[in-house]
Amino acid sequence: MEALIAIAIGTLTAGGIYLMLRQRTFPVIIGLTLLSYAVNVFIFAAGRLVPGLPAIIAKDAAGYTDPLPQALVLTAIVISFGMTAVIVLMALGSWLESGHDKVDMDDEKDEQETRA
């Protein structure tokens, strides 16, 4: 099971980095989302969750599961949702202003050279 989780985390990370290196805004947004999923799964898996045990210490329970990784992942999900919403709005504004979503840094350099 650990190998399956490690492969899933590695696949999500590799896919997220590959998509973040694209020159279009939509794949960059999807790449950031995949990367945040990979981090969430990593934090959740690193928490050493124990099935069948409560997250709260009780007198009659044999043990407890550490609630900190669960809280961190829940917080990260909320933050990544807000971050994705902001990035989507920025990409939409850029697309409405320029008419395309391609990120091309050479165009700015060429425009500056032709003006000079």
N, C-alpha and C. Protein backbone atom coordinates (compact mmCIF):
# COMPACT_ATOMS: atom_id res chain seq x y z
N MET A 1 0.82 -1.19 0.00
CA MET A 1 0.00 0.00 0.00
C MET A 1 0.87 1.26 0.00
N GLU A 2 2.00 1.20 0.70
CA GLU A 2 2.88 2.36 0.73
C GLU A 2 3.44 2.66 -0.65
N ALA A 3 3.74 1.60 -1.41
CA ALA A 3 4.26 1.81 -2.77
C ALA A 3 3.21 2.45 -3.66
N LEU A 4 1.96 2.05 -3.50
CA LEU A 4 0.89 2.64 -4.30
C LEU A 4 0.71 4.12 -3.99
N ILE A 5 0.77 4.47 -2.73
CA ILE A 5 0.65 5.89 -2.34
C ILE A 5 1.85 6.68 -2.84
N ALA A 6 3.05 6.10 -2.74
CA ALA A 6 4.24 6.79 -3.23
C ALA A 6 4.17 6.99 -4.75
N ILE A 7 3.69 6.00 -5.47
CA ILE A 7 3.54 6.14 -6.93
C ILE A 7 2.50 7.20 -7.25
N ALA A 8 1.40 7.22 -6.51
CA ALA A 8 0.37 8.24 -6.75
C ALA A 8 0.90 9.65 -6.48
N ILE A 9 1.64 9.81 -5.39
CA ILE A 9 2.21 11.13 -5.08
C ILE A 9 3.21 11.54 -6.15
N GLY A 10 4.06 10.61 -6.57
CA GLY A 10 5.04 10.91 -7.62
C GLY A 10 4.39 11.25 -8.95
N THR A 11 3.33 10.52 -9.31
CA THR A 11 2.62 10.79 -10.56
C THR A 11 1.94 12.15 -10.52
N LEU A 12 1.28 12.46 -9.41
CA LEU A 12 0.64 13.77 -9.29
C LEU A 12 1.66 14.90 -9.34
N THR A 13 2.80 14.72 -8.68
CA THR A 13 3.85 15.74 -8.68
C THR A 13 4.43 15.92 -10.08
N ALA A 14 4.74 14.81 -10.75
CA ALA A 14 5.31 14.90 -12.10
C ALA A 14 4.33 15.54 -13.08
N GLY A 15 3.07 15.12 -13.00
CA GLY A 15 2.06 15.73 -13.88
C GLY A 15 1.86 17.20 -13.59
N GLY A 16 1.86 17.57 -12.31
CA GLY A 16 1.69 18.97 -11.95
C GLY A 16 2.84 19.84 -12.41
N ILE A 17 4.07 19.35 -12.26
CA ILE A 17 5.23 20.13 -12.71
C ILE A 17 5.24 20.24 -14.23
N TYR A 18 4.92 19.13 -14.92
CA TYR A 18 4.88 19.17 -16.39
C TYR A 18 3.85 20.19 -16.88
N LEU A 19 2.67 20.18 -16.27
CA LEU A 19 1.64 21.12 -16.71
C LEU A 19 1.97 22.55 -16.33
N MET A 20 2.68 22.76 -15.22
CA MET A 20 3.05 24.12 -14.84
C MET A 20 4.08 24.73 -15.78
N LEU A 21 4.81 23.90 -16.50
CA LEU A 21 5.82 24.41 -17.43
C LEU A 21 5.26 24.69 -18.81
N ARG A 22 3.97 24.53 -19.01
CA ARG A 22 3.35 24.80 -20.30
C ARG A 22 3.22 26.31 -20.51
N GLN A 23 2.94 26.73 -21.75
CA GLN A 23 2.84 28.16 -22.04
C GLN A 23 1.39 28.64 -22.17
N ARG A 24 0.47 27.88 -21.64
CA ARG A 24 -0.93 28.29 -21.62
C ARG A 24 -1.37 28.39 -20.16
N THR A 25 -2.35 29.25 -19.90
CA THR A 25 -2.74 29.47 -18.52
C THR A 25 -3.56 28.33 -17.93
N PHE A 26 -4.44 27.71 -18.73
CA PHE A 26 -5.27 26.64 -18.19
C PHE A 26 -4.45 25.44 -17.73
N PRO A 27 -3.47 24.95 -18.51
CA PRO A 27 -2.65 23.85 -17.98
C PRO A 27 -1.85 24.23 -16.73
N VAL A 28 -1.46 25.49 -16.61
CA VAL A 28 -0.74 25.93 -15.40
C VAL A 28 -1.67 25.83 -14.19
N ILE A 29 -2.92 26.20 -14.35
CA ILE A 29 -3.88 26.11 -13.25
C ILE A 29 -4.11 24.65 -12.86
N ILE A 30 -4.27 23.78 -13.86
CA ILE A 30 -4.46 22.36 -13.58
C ILE A 30 -3.20 21.78 -12.93
N GLY A 31 -2.02 22.21 -13.36
CA GLY A 31 -0.77 21.74 -12.77
C GLY A 31 -0.64 22.14 -11.31
N LEU A 32 -1.01 23.38 -10.99
CA LEU A 32 -0.99 23.81 -9.59
C LEU A 32 -1.96 23.00 -8.74
N THR A 33 -3.12 22.70 -9.31
CA THR A 33 -4.10 21.89 -8.60
C THR A 33 -3.56 20.48 -8.34
N LEU A 34 -2.95 19.86 -9.36
CA LEU A 34 -2.38 18.53 -9.18
C LEU A 34 -1.26 18.54 -8.14
N LEU A 35 -0.45 19.58 -8.16
CA LEU A 35 0.63 19.68 -7.19
C LEU A 35 0.09 19.85 -5.77
N SER A 36 -0.97 20.61 -5.61
CA SER A 36 -1.57 20.76 -4.27
C SER A 36 -2.19 19.44 -3.82
N TYR A 37 -2.79 18.67 -4.74
CA TYR A 37 -3.31 17.35 -4.38
C TYR A 37 -2.17 16.44 -3.92
N ALA A 38 -1.04 16.50 -4.62
CA ALA A 38 0.11 15.65 -4.25
C ALA A 38 0.60 16.01 -2.85
N VAL A 39 0.67 17.28 -2.53
CA VAL A 39 1.12 17.70 -1.20
C VAL A 39 0.12 17.27 -0.14
N ASN A 40 -1.18 17.38 -0.45
CA ASN A 40 -2.20 16.95 0.52
C ASN A 40 -2.12 15.46 0.79
N VAL A 41 -1.96 14.65 -0.24
CA VAL A 41 -1.84 13.20 -0.04
C VAL A 41 -0.57 12.88 0.74
N PHE A 42 0.51 13.60 0.45
CA PHE A 42 1.78 13.37 1.18
C PHE A 42 1.62 13.69 2.67
N ILE A 43 1.02 14.82 2.98
CA ILE A 43 0.81 15.19 4.39
C ILE A 43 -0.10 14.18 5.08
N PHE A 44 -1.15 13.78 4.37
CA PHE A 44 -2.10 12.83 4.96
C PHE A 44 -1.44 11.47 5.19
N ALA A 45 -0.60 11.03 4.25
CA ALA A 45 0.07 9.74 4.39
C ALA A 45 1.17 9.80 5.44
N ALA A 46 1.81 10.95 5.60
CA ALA A 46 2.87 11.08 6.59
C ALA A 46 2.34 11.15 8.01
N GLY A 47 1.02 11.32 8.16
CA GLY A 47 0.43 11.43 9.49
C GLY A 47 0.27 10.12 10.22
N ARG A 48 0.57 9.00 9.57
CA ARG A 48 0.46 7.67 10.17
C ARG A 48 -0.90 7.46 10.81
N LEU A 49 -1.92 7.55 9.97
CA LEU A 49 -3.28 7.36 10.45
C LEU A 49 -3.50 5.90 10.84
N VAL A 50 -4.23 5.70 11.90
CA VAL A 50 -4.53 4.36 12.39
C VAL A 50 -6.03 4.13 12.20
N PRO A 51 -6.41 3.14 11.39
CA PRO A 51 -7.85 2.91 11.19
C PRO A 51 -8.51 2.37 12.46
N GLY A 52 -9.72 2.84 12.71
CA GLY A 52 -10.49 2.36 13.84
C GLY A 52 -10.25 3.07 15.15
N LEU A 53 -9.32 4.00 15.19
CA LEU A 53 -9.07 4.74 16.43
C LEU A 53 -9.61 6.16 16.31
N PRO A 54 -10.10 6.72 17.41
CA PRO A 54 -10.66 8.07 17.33
C PRO A 54 -9.57 9.13 17.23
N ALA A 55 -9.96 10.30 16.73
CA ALA A 55 -9.02 11.41 16.62
C ALA A 55 -8.92 12.19 17.93
N ILE A 56 -9.80 11.89 18.87
CA ILE A 56 -9.82 12.58 20.16
C ILE A 56 -9.45 11.58 21.25
N ILE A 57 -8.63 12.01 22.18
CA ILE A 57 -8.23 11.14 23.27
C ILE A 57 -9.43 10.89 24.19
N ALA A 58 -9.72 9.62 24.39
CA ALA A 58 -10.82 9.24 25.29
C ALA A 58 -10.28 8.25 26.33
N LYS A 59 -10.93 8.21 27.47
CA LYS A 59 -10.47 7.32 28.54
C LYS A 59 -10.65 5.85 28.19
N ASP A 60 -11.71 5.53 27.44
CA ASP A 60 -11.98 4.13 27.14
C ASP A 60 -11.35 3.67 25.82
N ALA A 61 -10.69 4.57 25.06
CA ALA A 61 -10.08 4.19 23.78
C ALA A 61 -8.68 3.63 24.02
N ALA A 62 -8.30 2.70 23.15
CA ALA A 62 -6.98 2.07 23.26
C ALA A 62 -5.87 3.02 22.83
N GLY A 63 -6.18 3.94 21.99
CA GLY A 63 -5.21 4.91 21.49
C GLY A 63 -5.94 5.99 20.74
N TYR A 64 -5.20 6.79 20.02
CA TYR A 64 -5.85 7.82 19.23
C TYR A 64 -5.04 8.08 17.96
N THR A 65 -5.70 8.65 16.98
CA THR A 65 -5.07 9.04 15.74
C THR A 65 -4.71 10.52 15.85
N ASP A 66 -3.54 10.88 15.38
CA ASP A 66 -3.10 12.27 15.44
C ASP A 66 -3.98 13.13 14.54
N PRO A 67 -4.70 14.10 15.07
CA PRO A 67 -5.60 14.91 14.25
C PRO A 67 -4.89 16.03 13.49
N LEU A 68 -3.63 16.29 13.77
CA LEU A 68 -2.92 17.40 13.13
C LEU A 68 -2.82 17.26 11.61
N PRO A 69 -2.43 16.09 11.06
CA PRO A 69 -2.38 15.99 9.60
C PRO A 69 -3.75 16.19 8.94
N GLN A 70 -4.80 15.71 9.60
CA GLN A 70 -6.13 15.90 9.06
C GLN A 70 -6.51 17.37 9.03
N ALA A 71 -6.16 18.10 10.07
CA ALA A 71 -6.45 19.53 10.13
C ALA A 71 -5.62 20.29 9.10
N LEU A 72 -4.36 19.90 8.93
CA LEU A 72 -3.51 20.56 7.94
C LEU A 72 -4.03 20.35 6.52
N VAL A 73 -4.45 19.13 6.22
CA VAL A 73 -4.97 18.84 4.88
C VAL A 73 -6.27 19.58 4.64
N LEU A 74 -7.14 19.63 5.63
CA LEU A 74 -8.40 20.36 5.47
C LEU A 74 -8.14 21.84 5.24
N THR A 75 -7.21 22.41 5.98
CA THR A 75 -6.85 23.81 5.78
C THR A 75 -6.23 24.03 4.40
N ALA A 76 -5.38 23.11 3.96
CA ALA A 76 -4.74 23.23 2.65
C ALA A 76 -5.76 23.13 1.53
N ILE A 77 -6.78 22.32 1.69
CA ILE A 77 -7.83 22.22 0.67
C ILE A 77 -8.55 23.55 0.52
N VAL A 78 -8.88 24.18 1.64
CA VAL A 78 -9.58 25.48 1.59
C VAL A 78 -8.68 26.55 0.97
N ILE A 79 -7.42 26.58 1.35
CA ILE A 79 -6.49 27.57 0.80
C ILE A 79 -6.27 27.34 -0.68
N SER A 80 -6.12 26.09 -1.10
CA SER A 80 -5.89 25.82 -2.53
C SER A 80 -7.12 26.15 -3.36
N PHE A 81 -8.32 25.97 -2.79
CA PHE A 81 -9.53 26.36 -3.52
C PHE A 81 -9.56 27.87 -3.73
N GLY A 82 -9.24 28.64 -2.70
CA GLY A 82 -9.19 30.09 -2.85
C GLY A 82 -8.10 30.54 -3.81
N MET A 83 -6.94 29.89 -3.73
CA MET A 83 -5.85 30.23 -4.65
C MET A 83 -6.22 29.92 -6.09
N THR A 84 -6.88 28.79 -6.31
CA THR A 84 -7.30 28.42 -7.67
C THR A 84 -8.32 29.42 -8.20
N ALA A 85 -9.24 29.87 -7.36
CA ALA A 85 -10.23 30.85 -7.79
C ALA A 85 -9.57 32.16 -8.19
N VAL A 86 -8.59 32.61 -7.43
CA VAL A 86 -7.89 33.86 -7.76
C VAL A 86 -7.11 33.71 -9.06
N ILE A 87 -6.44 32.58 -9.24
CA ILE A 87 -5.65 32.37 -10.46
C ILE A 87 -6.56 32.27 -11.68
N VAL A 88 -7.71 31.62 -11.54
CA VAL A 88 -8.65 31.53 -12.65
C VAL A 88 -9.14 32.93 -13.04
N LEU A 89 -9.44 33.75 -12.06
CA LEU A 89 -9.89 35.12 -12.37
C LEU A 89 -8.78 35.94 -13.02
N MET A 90 -7.55 35.77 -12.57
CA MET A 90 -6.43 36.47 -13.21
C MET A 90 -6.23 35.99 -14.65
N ALA A 91 -6.34 34.70 -14.88
CA ALA A 91 -6.19 34.16 -16.23
C ALA A 91 -7.33 34.62 -17.13
N LEU A 92 -8.54 34.67 -16.59
CA LEU A 92 -9.68 35.15 -17.37
C LEU A 92 -9.51 36.61 -17.73
N GLY A 93 -9.05 37.43 -16.79
CA GLY A 93 -8.78 38.84 -17.09
C GLY A 93 -7.70 39.01 -18.13
N SER A 94 -6.67 38.21 -18.06
CA SER A 94 -5.60 38.26 -19.06
C SER A 94 -6.11 37.85 -20.43
N TRP A 95 -6.95 36.82 -20.46
CA TRP A 95 -7.50 36.36 -21.74
C TRP A 95 -8.43 37.41 -22.34
N LEU A 96 -9.24 38.07 -21.52
CA LEU A 96 -10.14 39.11 -22.02
C LEU A 96 -9.36 40.32 -22.53
N GLU A 97 -8.22 40.61 -21.91
CA GLU A 97 -7.43 41.77 -22.32
C GLU A 97 -6.63 41.50 -23.59
N SER A 98 -6.03 40.32 -23.69
CA SER A 98 -5.15 40.05 -24.83
C SER A 98 -5.81 39.24 -25.94
N GLY A 99 -6.88 38.51 -25.65
CA GLY A 99 -7.54 37.73 -26.67
C GLY A 99 -7.02 36.31 -26.81
N HIS A 100 -5.99 35.94 -26.07
CA HIS A 100 -5.46 34.57 -26.08
C HIS A 100 -4.88 34.27 -24.71
N ASP A 101 -4.59 33.00 -24.47
CA ASP A 101 -4.07 32.63 -23.16
C ASP A 101 -2.63 32.15 -23.21
N LYS A 102 -1.95 32.39 -24.32
CA LYS A 102 -0.56 31.95 -24.43
C LYS A 102 0.36 32.92 -23.70
N VAL A 103 1.29 32.37 -22.97
CA VAL A 103 2.28 33.17 -22.26
C VAL A 103 3.54 33.14 -23.11
N ASP A 104 3.87 34.26 -23.71
CA ASP A 104 5.03 34.31 -24.59
C ASP A 104 5.87 35.51 -24.20
N MET A 105 6.98 35.26 -23.59
CA MET A 105 7.84 36.33 -23.11
C MET A 105 8.64 36.97 -24.24
N ASP A 106 8.82 36.29 -25.35
CA ASP A 106 9.59 36.84 -26.46
C ASP A 106 8.87 37.98 -27.15
N ASP A 107 7.53 38.01 -27.14
CA ASP A 107 6.78 39.09 -27.76
C ASP A 107 7.08 40.43 -27.11
N GLU A 108 7.17 40.46 -25.79
CA GLU A 108 7.48 41.71 -25.09
C GLU A 108 8.88 42.19 -25.46
N LYS A 109 9.81 41.28 -25.56
CA LYS A 109 11.18 41.65 -25.91
C LYS A 109 11.24 42.18 -27.34
N ASP A 110 10.51 41.54 -28.26
CA ASP A 110 10.49 42.00 -29.65
C ASP A 110 9.83 43.36 -29.77
N GLU A 111 8.76 43.62 -29.00
CA GLU A 111 8.10 44.92 -29.05
C GLU A 111 9.01 46.03 -28.54
N GLN A 112 9.78 45.74 -27.48
CA GLN A 112 10.69 46.74 -26.95
C GLN A 112 11.81 47.04 -27.94
N GLU A 113 12.28 46.02 -28.66
CA GLU A 113 13.35 46.24 -29.64
C GLU A 113 12.84 47.04 -30.85
N THR A 114 11.60 46.82 -31.27
CA THR A 114 11.08 47.55 -32.42
C THR A 114 10.76 49.00 -32.07
N ARG A 115 10.44 49.28 -30.81
CA ARG A 115 10.18 50.66 -30.41
C ARG A 115 11.45 51.48 -30.32
N ALA A 116 12.58 50.85 -29.98
CA ALA A 116 13.84 51.57 -29.78
C ALA A 116 14.53 51.91 -31.07
